[in-house]
Amino acid sequence: KEPSSCHDKVVARLRELLAVVKGSGVKLMHENEKKIYGDVPERVLKLYREIADEDFVLCFDASNYVQCDADPKAAFDMLKDYVVYYHIKDCSEYKVEVPVGVGKGGYEYIIPELKKRGYEGFMTMEPHTFKYALLKPIVYFIPFMPLVMKNYFKAFRLIDKAQDMGYFACASRKKVFLWQYQNLRKLTEE
């Protein structure tokens, strides 16, 4: 549906949920998940301001903004004063998750800005890049798959280059998660 046609219903539903948790110590957290009303920063901010309740907080996911064709850096600048939690994963221009710092998530901007702001909240590294570990052999070596799954193929080639992986080399899920961690750590140390 057209997002504007859903606005009132979304706000009403969120207020119902807030009434349930009021006084319990539980906070409702909105993540900018793709394909929901609050998937782009303008609607996230509109929701946040309209709800205007201390028990309604925001989670920021740069990868989801990339997948919704929103600029994560602009989204960060728009929402940074209201976000209390960050999902850390990155996404390529092909809309496929890649290790942090390899995609278009803007972490080279976001992480230093969080450090400048003295951010002491939560971050979670999301494991979605495991697709590289599981799907690379299928995408690369089954005939016609590079054509059928061309966005995965292109994104996986980005990962290969960034992590100095040969065409025939594969990585475990654990190794891919370690890349995430190492890339994030490098960004936080710079």
N, C-alpha and C. Protein backbone atom coordinates (compact mmCIF):
# COMPACT_ATOMS: atom_id res chain seq x y z
N LYS A 1 0.83 -1.19 0.00
CA LYS A 1 0.00 0.00 0.00
C LYS A 1 0.87 1.24 0.00
N GLU A 2 0.27 2.33 -0.37
CA GLU A 2 0.94 3.63 -0.28
C GLU A 2 1.17 3.92 1.20
N PRO A 3 2.42 4.17 1.61
CA PRO A 3 2.71 4.36 3.04
C PRO A 3 1.85 5.42 3.73
N SER A 4 1.57 6.52 3.04
CA SER A 4 0.78 7.57 3.70
C SER A 4 -0.62 7.08 4.08
N SER A 5 -1.14 6.10 3.35
CA SER A 5 -2.46 5.58 3.67
C SER A 5 -2.46 4.72 4.94
N CYS A 6 -1.29 4.34 5.38
CA CYS A 6 -1.16 3.48 6.57
C CYS A 6 -0.80 4.25 7.83
N HIS A 7 -0.40 5.49 7.68
CA HIS A 7 0.15 6.25 8.81
C HIS A 7 -0.75 6.22 10.05
N ASP A 8 -1.99 6.59 9.91
CA ASP A 8 -2.88 6.67 11.08
C ASP A 8 -3.04 5.31 11.76
N LYS A 9 -3.13 4.27 10.97
CA LYS A 9 -3.28 2.92 11.53
C LYS A 9 -2.02 2.49 12.29
N VAL A 10 -0.86 2.81 11.72
CA VAL A 10 0.41 2.48 12.38
C VAL A 10 0.52 3.22 13.72
N VAL A 11 0.22 4.49 13.73
CA VAL A 11 0.29 5.29 14.95
C VAL A 11 -0.69 4.74 15.99
N ALA A 12 -1.91 4.45 15.57
CA ALA A 12 -2.91 3.91 16.51
C ALA A 12 -2.44 2.59 17.10
N ARG A 13 -1.87 1.73 16.29
CA ARG A 13 -1.41 0.43 16.77
C ARG A 13 -0.24 0.58 17.75
N LEU A 14 0.68 1.48 17.42
CA LEU A 14 1.80 1.72 18.33
C LEU A 14 1.32 2.27 19.67
N ARG A 15 0.35 3.13 19.64
CA ARG A 15 -0.19 3.68 20.89
C ARG A 15 -0.88 2.57 21.71
N GLU A 16 -1.54 1.64 21.04
CA GLU A 16 -2.13 0.49 21.75
C GLU A 16 -1.04 -0.34 22.43
N LEU A 17 0.04 -0.58 21.71
CA LEU A 17 1.15 -1.35 22.28
C LEU A 17 1.80 -0.60 23.45
N LEU A 18 1.94 0.70 23.31
CA LEU A 18 2.50 1.51 24.39
C LEU A 18 1.62 1.44 25.64
N ALA A 19 0.32 1.44 25.46
CA ALA A 19 -0.59 1.35 26.61
C ALA A 19 -0.39 0.03 27.35
N VAL A 20 -0.07 -1.02 26.64
CA VAL A 20 0.15 -2.33 27.26
C VAL A 20 1.40 -2.32 28.13
N VAL A 21 2.47 -1.68 27.66
CA VAL A 21 3.74 -1.71 28.39
C VAL A 21 3.92 -0.56 29.38
N LYS A 22 3.06 0.41 29.34
CA LYS A 22 3.22 1.60 30.19
C LYS A 22 3.40 1.21 31.65
N GLY A 23 4.44 1.75 32.25
CA GLY A 23 4.70 1.52 33.66
C GLY A 23 5.41 0.20 33.97
N SER A 24 5.69 -0.60 32.96
CA SER A 24 6.30 -1.92 33.19
C SER A 24 7.82 -1.89 33.12
N GLY A 25 8.39 -0.79 32.62
CA GLY A 25 9.83 -0.74 32.42
C GLY A 25 10.25 -1.22 31.04
N VAL A 26 9.30 -1.76 30.28
CA VAL A 26 9.57 -2.23 28.93
C VAL A 26 9.49 -1.04 27.97
N LYS A 27 10.41 -1.01 27.03
CA LYS A 27 10.38 0.03 26.00
C LYS A 27 10.08 -0.63 24.66
N LEU A 28 9.28 0.05 23.86
CA LEU A 28 9.05 -0.40 22.50
C LEU A 28 10.13 0.19 21.62
N MET A 29 10.75 -0.66 20.81
CA MET A 29 11.84 -0.22 19.97
C MET A 29 11.45 -0.39 18.51
N HIS A 30 11.56 0.69 17.77
CA HIS A 30 11.26 0.65 16.34
C HIS A 30 12.55 0.51 15.55
N GLU A 31 12.62 -0.54 14.73
CA GLU A 31 13.72 -0.71 13.79
C GLU A 31 13.23 -0.36 12.40
N ASN A 32 14.05 0.29 11.63
CA ASN A 32 13.71 0.66 10.26
C ASN A 32 13.80 -0.55 9.33
N GLU A 33 13.01 -1.55 9.63
CA GLU A 33 12.99 -2.77 8.82
C GLU A 33 12.43 -2.44 7.44
N LYS A 34 12.96 -3.07 6.41
CA LYS A 34 12.46 -2.80 5.07
C LYS A 34 11.04 -3.33 4.90
N LYS A 35 10.30 -2.67 4.04
CA LYS A 35 8.93 -3.04 3.68
C LYS A 35 7.92 -2.89 4.82
N ILE A 36 8.20 -1.95 5.74
CA ILE A 36 7.21 -1.57 6.75
C ILE A 36 6.98 -0.07 6.60
N TYR A 37 6.02 0.46 7.32
CA TYR A 37 5.75 1.89 7.23
C TYR A 37 7.00 2.71 7.57
N GLY A 38 7.67 2.37 8.65
CA GLY A 38 8.83 3.14 9.11
C GLY A 38 10.13 2.61 8.56
N ASP A 39 10.21 2.46 7.23
CA ASP A 39 11.43 1.91 6.63
C ASP A 39 12.40 2.97 6.13
N VAL A 40 11.95 4.20 6.00
CA VAL A 40 12.83 5.28 5.54
C VAL A 40 12.90 6.35 6.64
N PRO A 41 13.99 7.10 6.69
CA PRO A 41 14.21 7.99 7.83
C PRO A 41 13.13 9.05 8.03
N GLU A 42 12.56 9.56 6.97
CA GLU A 42 11.54 10.59 7.10
C GLU A 42 10.32 10.05 7.86
N ARG A 43 9.91 8.83 7.54
CA ARG A 43 8.75 8.25 8.24
C ARG A 43 9.11 7.80 9.64
N VAL A 44 10.35 7.35 9.86
CA VAL A 44 10.79 7.00 11.21
C VAL A 44 10.69 8.24 12.10
N LEU A 45 11.23 9.36 11.62
CA LEU A 45 11.20 10.59 12.41
C LEU A 45 9.76 11.07 12.63
N LYS A 46 8.94 10.96 11.61
CA LYS A 46 7.53 11.35 11.74
C LYS A 46 6.84 10.52 12.82
N LEU A 47 7.07 9.21 12.81
CA LEU A 47 6.50 8.32 13.84
C LEU A 47 7.01 8.70 15.22
N TYR A 48 8.32 8.87 15.32
CA TYR A 48 8.93 9.17 16.61
C TYR A 48 8.34 10.46 17.20
N ARG A 49 8.24 11.46 16.38
CA ARG A 49 7.73 12.75 16.87
C ARG A 49 6.24 12.68 17.20
N GLU A 50 5.49 11.94 16.41
CA GLU A 50 4.06 11.86 16.67
C GLU A 50 3.76 11.01 17.91
N ILE A 51 4.49 9.94 18.10
CA ILE A 51 4.29 9.09 19.28
C ILE A 51 4.74 9.84 20.53
N ALA A 52 5.92 10.47 20.45
CA ALA A 52 6.44 11.33 21.52
C ALA A 52 6.23 10.73 22.91
N ASP A 53 6.81 9.57 23.13
CA ASP A 53 6.68 8.88 24.42
C ASP A 53 8.04 8.33 24.82
N GLU A 54 8.41 8.49 26.08
CA GLU A 54 9.72 8.02 26.54
C GLU A 54 9.89 6.51 26.42
N ASP A 55 8.78 5.79 26.29
CA ASP A 55 8.86 4.33 26.15
C ASP A 55 8.88 3.88 24.70
N PHE A 56 9.00 4.81 23.77
CA PHE A 56 9.12 4.50 22.35
C PHE A 56 10.48 4.98 21.89
N VAL A 57 11.38 4.04 21.55
CA VAL A 57 12.75 4.38 21.19
C VAL A 57 13.08 3.81 19.81
N LEU A 58 14.21 4.24 19.27
CA LEU A 58 14.59 3.86 17.91
C LEU A 58 15.83 3.00 17.86
N CYS A 59 15.80 2.05 16.95
CA CYS A 59 16.95 1.23 16.57
C CYS A 59 17.31 1.62 15.13
N PHE A 60 18.59 1.75 14.86
CA PHE A 60 19.08 2.20 13.55
C PHE A 60 19.78 1.04 12.86
N ASP A 61 19.37 0.75 11.62
CA ASP A 61 20.01 -0.31 10.83
C ASP A 61 20.39 0.28 9.48
N ALA A 62 21.67 0.58 9.31
CA ALA A 62 22.15 1.21 8.07
C ALA A 62 21.90 0.33 6.85
N SER A 63 22.07 -0.97 7.00
CA SER A 63 21.86 -1.89 5.89
C SER A 63 20.42 -1.83 5.38
N ASN A 64 19.47 -1.75 6.30
CA ASN A 64 18.08 -1.66 5.88
C ASN A 64 17.81 -0.37 5.12
N TYR A 65 18.47 0.71 5.51
CA TYR A 65 18.31 1.95 4.75
C TYR A 65 18.85 1.79 3.33
N VAL A 66 20.00 1.13 3.18
CA VAL A 66 20.55 0.90 1.85
C VAL A 66 19.54 0.09 1.02
N GLN A 67 18.95 -0.93 1.64
CA GLN A 67 18.00 -1.78 0.92
C GLN A 67 16.72 -1.03 0.53
N CYS A 68 16.46 0.08 1.21
CA CYS A 68 15.27 0.90 0.90
C CYS A 68 15.64 2.13 0.07
N ASP A 69 16.85 2.15 -0.46
CA ASP A 69 17.33 3.27 -1.28
C ASP A 69 17.37 4.60 -0.53
N ALA A 70 17.58 4.53 0.78
CA ALA A 70 17.76 5.73 1.60
C ALA A 70 19.24 5.85 1.95
N ASP A 71 19.73 7.05 2.04
CA ASP A 71 21.14 7.29 2.37
C ASP A 71 21.34 7.11 3.87
N PRO A 72 22.13 6.11 4.28
CA PRO A 72 22.32 5.88 5.71
C PRO A 72 22.99 7.04 6.45
N LYS A 73 23.89 7.76 5.79
CA LYS A 73 24.53 8.90 6.44
C LYS A 73 23.51 10.00 6.72
N ALA A 74 22.68 10.30 5.74
CA ALA A 74 21.62 11.31 5.94
C ALA A 74 20.63 10.84 6.99
N ALA A 75 20.31 9.54 6.98
CA ALA A 75 19.40 8.97 7.99
C ALA A 75 20.00 9.12 9.38
N PHE A 76 21.29 8.82 9.49
CA PHE A 76 21.97 8.96 10.78
C PHE A 76 21.88 10.40 11.27
N ASP A 77 22.22 11.35 10.39
CA ASP A 77 22.18 12.75 10.79
C ASP A 77 20.78 13.18 11.22
N MET A 78 19.78 12.65 10.57
CA MET A 78 18.40 13.00 10.88
C MET A 78 17.95 12.39 12.22
N LEU A 79 18.44 11.21 12.56
CA LEU A 79 17.89 10.45 13.69
C LEU A 79 18.83 10.28 14.88
N LYS A 80 20.06 10.71 14.76
CA LYS A 80 21.08 10.42 15.77
C LYS A 80 20.71 10.85 17.19
N ASP A 81 19.91 11.87 17.32
CA ASP A 81 19.53 12.34 18.66
C ASP A 81 18.47 11.45 19.33
N TYR A 82 17.91 10.54 18.57
CA TYR A 82 16.80 9.73 19.09
C TYR A 82 17.11 8.23 19.14
N VAL A 83 18.18 7.81 18.51
CA VAL A 83 18.51 6.38 18.42
C VAL A 83 19.22 5.94 19.70
N VAL A 84 18.79 4.78 20.22
CA VAL A 84 19.41 4.24 21.43
C VAL A 84 20.09 2.90 21.18
N TYR A 85 19.99 2.39 19.96
CA TYR A 85 20.48 1.04 19.67
C TYR A 85 20.81 0.95 18.19
N TYR A 86 21.92 0.30 17.85
CA TYR A 86 22.36 0.18 16.46
C TYR A 86 22.53 -1.28 16.08
N HIS A 87 21.90 -1.67 14.97
CA HIS A 87 22.16 -2.98 14.37
C HIS A 87 23.30 -2.77 13.39
N ILE A 88 24.35 -3.51 13.58
CA ILE A 88 25.53 -3.34 12.74
C ILE A 88 25.58 -4.45 11.70
N LYS A 89 25.26 -4.06 10.48
CA LYS A 89 25.46 -4.90 9.31
C LYS A 89 25.53 -3.95 8.13
N ASP A 90 26.12 -4.40 7.06
CA ASP A 90 26.31 -3.54 5.91
C ASP A 90 25.64 -4.17 4.70
N CYS A 91 25.43 -3.38 3.68
CA CYS A 91 24.74 -3.85 2.49
C CYS A 91 25.40 -3.25 1.26
N SER A 92 25.54 -4.06 0.24
CA SER A 92 26.13 -3.59 -1.01
C SER A 92 25.10 -2.84 -1.83
N GLU A 93 25.57 -2.20 -2.86
CA GLU A 93 24.67 -1.52 -3.79
C GLU A 93 23.74 -2.51 -4.48
N TYR A 94 24.06 -3.80 -4.40
CA TYR A 94 23.25 -4.85 -5.02
C TYR A 94 22.18 -5.39 -4.08
N LYS A 95 22.05 -4.75 -2.92
CA LYS A 95 21.02 -5.10 -1.92
C LYS A 95 21.28 -6.47 -1.28
N VAL A 96 22.55 -6.81 -1.18
CA VAL A 96 22.98 -8.05 -0.53
C VAL A 96 23.90 -7.66 0.62
N GLU A 97 23.70 -8.28 1.79
CA GLU A 97 24.50 -7.97 2.96
C GLU A 97 25.96 -8.37 2.75
N VAL A 98 26.85 -7.52 3.23
CA VAL A 98 28.29 -7.72 3.15
C VAL A 98 28.88 -7.34 4.50
N PRO A 99 30.14 -7.73 4.78
CA PRO A 99 30.73 -7.34 6.05
C PRO A 99 30.80 -5.82 6.22
N VAL A 100 30.74 -5.38 7.45
CA VAL A 100 30.79 -3.96 7.78
C VAL A 100 31.99 -3.30 7.09
N GLY A 101 31.72 -2.16 6.46
CA GLY A 101 32.77 -1.42 5.80
C GLY A 101 32.96 -1.77 4.33
N VAL A 102 32.33 -2.84 3.87
CA VAL A 102 32.46 -3.26 2.48
C VAL A 102 31.34 -2.68 1.63
N GLY A 103 30.24 -2.33 2.25
CA GLY A 103 29.06 -1.87 1.53
C GLY A 103 28.85 -0.37 1.57
N LYS A 104 27.60 0.01 1.45
CA LYS A 104 27.20 1.41 1.35
C LYS A 104 26.58 1.94 2.64
N GLY A 105 26.81 1.24 3.77
CA GLY A 105 26.19 1.59 5.04
C GLY A 105 26.72 2.85 5.70
N GLY A 106 27.79 3.41 5.21
CA GLY A 106 28.30 4.68 5.72
C GLY A 106 28.98 4.58 7.08
N TYR A 107 29.45 3.40 7.44
CA TYR A 107 30.05 3.23 8.77
C TYR A 107 31.32 4.03 8.97
N GLU A 108 32.03 4.34 7.89
CA GLU A 108 33.24 5.16 8.01
C GLU A 108 32.87 6.58 8.47
N TYR A 109 31.61 6.95 8.32
CA TYR A 109 31.09 8.23 8.81
C TYR A 109 30.38 8.04 10.16
N ILE A 110 29.54 7.04 10.26
CA ILE A 110 28.68 6.85 11.43
C ILE A 110 29.49 6.53 12.69
N ILE A 111 30.43 5.61 12.60
CA ILE A 111 31.19 5.20 13.80
C ILE A 111 31.98 6.38 14.38
N PRO A 112 32.75 7.13 13.59
CA PRO A 112 33.43 8.30 14.17
C PRO A 112 32.46 9.33 14.76
N GLU A 113 31.31 9.50 14.12
CA GLU A 113 30.32 10.44 14.66
C GLU A 113 29.79 9.95 16.01
N LEU A 114 29.56 8.66 16.14
CA LEU A 114 29.12 8.11 17.42
C LEU A 114 30.19 8.32 18.49
N LYS A 115 31.45 8.12 18.11
CA LYS A 115 32.55 8.34 19.06
C LYS A 115 32.59 9.80 19.50
N LYS A 116 32.44 10.72 18.56
CA LYS A 116 32.44 12.15 18.90
C LYS A 116 31.31 12.50 19.85
N ARG A 117 30.18 11.85 19.66
CA ARG A 117 29.00 12.11 20.48
C ARG A 117 29.09 11.42 21.84
N GLY A 118 30.11 10.57 22.04
CA GLY A 118 30.23 9.84 23.29
C GLY A 118 29.16 8.77 23.45
N TYR A 119 28.74 8.17 22.35
CA TYR A 119 27.69 7.15 22.40
C TYR A 119 28.11 5.98 23.29
N GLU A 120 27.25 5.63 24.22
CA GLU A 120 27.53 4.52 25.14
C GLU A 120 26.39 3.51 25.14
N GLY A 121 25.57 3.55 24.11
CA GLY A 121 24.43 2.64 24.03
C GLY A 121 24.82 1.29 23.45
N PHE A 122 23.81 0.57 23.02
CA PHE A 122 23.99 -0.78 22.53
C PHE A 122 24.24 -0.82 21.03
N MET A 123 24.98 -1.86 20.63
CA MET A 123 25.17 -2.22 19.23
C MET A 123 25.13 -3.73 19.16
N THR A 124 24.59 -4.24 18.09
CA THR A 124 24.57 -5.67 17.85
C THR A 124 25.06 -5.92 16.44
N MET A 125 26.05 -6.81 16.30
CA MET A 125 26.47 -7.21 14.97
C MET A 125 25.50 -8.28 14.49
N GLU A 126 24.84 -7.98 13.40
CA GLU A 126 23.88 -8.94 12.86
C GLU A 126 24.60 -9.94 11.95
N PRO A 127 24.16 -11.19 11.97
CA PRO A 127 24.88 -12.26 11.26
C PRO A 127 24.46 -12.48 9.81
N HIS A 128 23.78 -11.55 9.19
CA HIS A 128 23.23 -11.79 7.85
C HIS A 128 24.29 -12.06 6.79
N THR A 129 25.52 -11.71 7.02
CA THR A 129 26.56 -11.95 6.01
C THR A 129 26.89 -13.44 5.88
N PHE A 130 26.27 -14.27 6.70
CA PHE A 130 26.51 -15.71 6.59
C PHE A 130 26.12 -16.22 5.20
N LYS A 131 25.32 -15.47 4.46
CA LYS A 131 24.90 -15.90 3.12
C LYS A 131 26.12 -16.13 2.23
N TYR A 132 27.15 -15.33 2.41
CA TYR A 132 28.38 -15.51 1.65
C TYR A 132 28.96 -16.90 1.91
N ALA A 133 29.01 -17.28 3.17
CA ALA A 133 29.56 -18.59 3.53
C ALA A 133 28.72 -19.74 2.96
N LEU A 134 27.42 -19.58 3.01
CA LEU A 134 26.54 -20.66 2.57
C LEU A 134 26.32 -20.68 1.06
N LEU A 135 26.20 -19.50 0.46
CA LEU A 135 25.78 -19.45 -0.94
C LEU A 135 26.91 -19.30 -1.96
N LYS A 136 28.09 -18.89 -1.54
CA LYS A 136 29.16 -18.68 -2.53
C LYS A 136 29.40 -19.91 -3.39
N PRO A 137 29.54 -21.10 -2.82
CA PRO A 137 29.76 -22.27 -3.70
C PRO A 137 28.62 -22.49 -4.69
N ILE A 138 27.41 -22.24 -4.27
CA ILE A 138 26.26 -22.42 -5.16
C ILE A 138 26.26 -21.36 -6.26
N VAL A 139 26.43 -20.12 -5.85
CA VAL A 139 26.37 -19.00 -6.80
C VAL A 139 27.52 -19.06 -7.80
N TYR A 140 28.71 -19.45 -7.35
CA TYR A 140 29.87 -19.44 -8.22
C TYR A 140 29.98 -20.68 -9.10
N PHE A 141 29.57 -21.83 -8.59
CA PHE A 141 29.97 -23.07 -9.26
C PHE A 141 28.84 -23.90 -9.85
N ILE A 142 27.61 -23.54 -9.65
CA ILE A 142 26.51 -24.24 -10.32
C ILE A 142 26.23 -23.48 -11.61
N PRO A 143 26.21 -24.18 -12.73
CA PRO A 143 26.02 -23.48 -14.02
C PRO A 143 24.79 -22.56 -13.98
N PHE A 144 24.95 -21.42 -14.57
CA PHE A 144 23.93 -20.38 -14.74
C PHE A 144 23.59 -19.62 -13.45
N MET A 145 24.05 -20.08 -12.29
CA MET A 145 23.72 -19.37 -11.05
C MET A 145 24.28 -17.94 -11.02
N PRO A 146 25.49 -17.70 -11.56
CA PRO A 146 25.94 -16.30 -11.57
C PRO A 146 24.99 -15.38 -12.34
N LEU A 147 24.24 -15.94 -13.28
CA LEU A 147 23.25 -15.15 -14.01
C LEU A 147 21.93 -15.06 -13.25
N VAL A 148 21.53 -16.17 -12.65
CA VAL A 148 20.27 -16.21 -11.91
C VAL A 148 20.36 -15.38 -10.64
N MET A 149 21.50 -15.49 -9.97
CA MET A 149 21.70 -14.77 -8.70
C MET A 149 22.79 -13.71 -8.88
N LYS A 150 22.61 -12.89 -9.91
CA LYS A 150 23.67 -11.96 -10.29
C LYS A 150 24.00 -10.94 -9.20
N ASN A 151 23.02 -10.49 -8.43
CA ASN A 151 23.33 -9.53 -7.37
C ASN A 151 24.15 -10.18 -6.27
N TYR A 152 23.86 -11.43 -5.96
CA TYR A 152 24.69 -12.15 -4.99
C TYR A 152 26.10 -12.31 -5.54
N PHE A 153 26.21 -12.69 -6.80
CA PHE A 153 27.52 -12.87 -7.41
C PHE A 153 28.33 -11.58 -7.32
N LYS A 154 27.72 -10.45 -7.67
CA LYS A 154 28.43 -9.17 -7.63
C LYS A 154 28.81 -8.79 -6.20
N ALA A 155 27.90 -9.00 -5.26
CA ALA A 155 28.19 -8.67 -3.86
C ALA A 155 29.29 -9.59 -3.32
N PHE A 156 29.23 -10.86 -3.67
CA PHE A 156 30.25 -11.80 -3.20
C PHE A 156 31.63 -11.47 -3.78
N ARG A 157 31.66 -10.95 -5.00
CA ARG A 157 32.94 -10.53 -5.57
C ARG A 157 33.50 -9.33 -4.78
N LEU A 158 32.63 -8.44 -4.32
CA LEU A 158 33.08 -7.33 -3.47
C LEU A 158 33.72 -7.88 -2.19
N ILE A 159 33.07 -8.86 -1.60
CA ILE A 159 33.60 -9.47 -0.38
C ILE A 159 34.93 -10.14 -0.67
N ASP A 160 35.01 -10.88 -1.77
CA ASP A 160 36.27 -11.54 -2.14
C ASP A 160 37.41 -10.53 -2.20
N LYS A 161 37.16 -9.40 -2.85
CA LYS A 161 38.20 -8.38 -2.99
C LYS A 161 38.55 -7.76 -1.64
N ALA A 162 37.54 -7.44 -0.87
CA ALA A 162 37.77 -6.78 0.42
C ALA A 162 38.51 -7.69 1.39
N GLN A 163 38.24 -8.98 1.32
CA GLN A 163 38.85 -9.93 2.27
C GLN A 163 39.99 -10.73 1.64
N ASP A 164 40.40 -10.35 0.44
CA ASP A 164 41.49 -11.01 -0.26
C ASP A 164 41.24 -12.52 -0.39
N MET A 165 40.03 -12.85 -0.80
CA MET A 165 39.64 -14.26 -1.00
C MET A 165 39.72 -14.57 -2.49
N GLY A 166 40.35 -15.68 -2.81
CA GLY A 166 40.39 -16.11 -4.21
C GLY A 166 39.03 -16.58 -4.68
N TYR A 167 38.90 -16.68 -5.97
CA TYR A 167 37.63 -17.08 -6.58
C TYR A 167 37.17 -18.44 -6.06
N PHE A 168 38.11 -19.35 -5.86
CA PHE A 168 37.76 -20.71 -5.44
C PHE A 168 37.77 -20.90 -3.93
N ALA A 169 38.18 -19.87 -3.20
CA ALA A 169 38.25 -19.98 -1.74
C ALA A 169 36.87 -19.77 -1.13
N CYS A 170 36.59 -20.53 -0.09
CA CYS A 170 35.34 -20.38 0.64
C CYS A 170 35.64 -20.05 2.10
N ALA A 171 34.64 -19.55 2.79
CA ALA A 171 34.80 -19.18 4.19
C ALA A 171 33.65 -19.77 5.00
N SER A 172 33.94 -20.07 6.24
CA SER A 172 32.91 -20.58 7.15
C SER A 172 32.06 -19.41 7.66
N ARG A 173 30.93 -19.75 8.24
CA ARG A 173 30.09 -18.72 8.86
C ARG A 173 30.86 -18.01 9.97
N LYS A 174 31.63 -18.78 10.73
CA LYS A 174 32.43 -18.19 11.81
C LYS A 174 33.44 -17.19 11.25
N LYS A 175 34.09 -17.56 10.17
CA LYS A 175 35.09 -16.67 9.58
C LYS A 175 34.44 -15.37 9.10
N VAL A 176 33.28 -15.47 8.47
CA VAL A 176 32.58 -14.28 8.00
C VAL A 176 32.19 -13.38 9.17
N PHE A 177 31.74 -14.00 10.26
CA PHE A 177 31.38 -13.21 11.44
C PHE A 177 32.63 -12.54 12.02
N LEU A 178 33.76 -13.23 12.00
CA LEU A 178 35.01 -12.62 12.46
C LEU A 178 35.41 -11.44 11.58
N TRP A 179 35.16 -11.54 10.28
CA TRP A 179 35.43 -10.38 9.41
C TRP A 179 34.60 -9.19 9.86
N GLN A 180 33.33 -9.46 10.16
CA GLN A 180 32.45 -8.39 10.65
C GLN A 180 33.08 -7.73 11.88
N TYR A 181 33.44 -8.56 12.83
CA TYR A 181 34.01 -8.08 14.09
C TYR A 181 35.30 -7.29 13.84
N GLN A 182 36.19 -7.86 13.05
CA GLN A 182 37.48 -7.20 12.78
C GLN A 182 37.29 -5.87 12.06
N ASN A 183 36.38 -5.83 11.09
CA ASN A 183 36.13 -4.58 10.37
C ASN A 183 35.53 -3.53 11.29
N LEU A 184 34.60 -3.94 12.14
CA LEU A 184 34.01 -3.00 13.09
C LEU A 184 35.05 -2.51 14.08
N ARG A 185 35.85 -3.43 14.57
CA ARG A 185 36.90 -3.04 15.51
C ARG A 185 37.87 -2.03 14.88
N LYS A 186 38.24 -2.28 13.64
CA LYS A 186 39.14 -1.35 12.95
C LYS A 186 38.49 0.03 12.83
N LEU A 187 37.21 0.06 12.49
CA LEU A 187 36.51 1.35 12.39
C LEU A 187 36.45 2.07 13.72
N THR A 188 36.27 1.32 14.81
CA THR A 188 36.18 1.97 16.12
C THR A 188 37.53 2.43 16.64
N GLU A 189 38.60 1.82 16.16
CA GLU A 189 39.94 2.21 16.61
C GLU A 189 40.50 3.39 15.83
N GLU A 190 40.04 3.60 14.62
CA GLU A 190 40.60 4.67 13.76
C GLU A 190 40.25 6.05 14.29
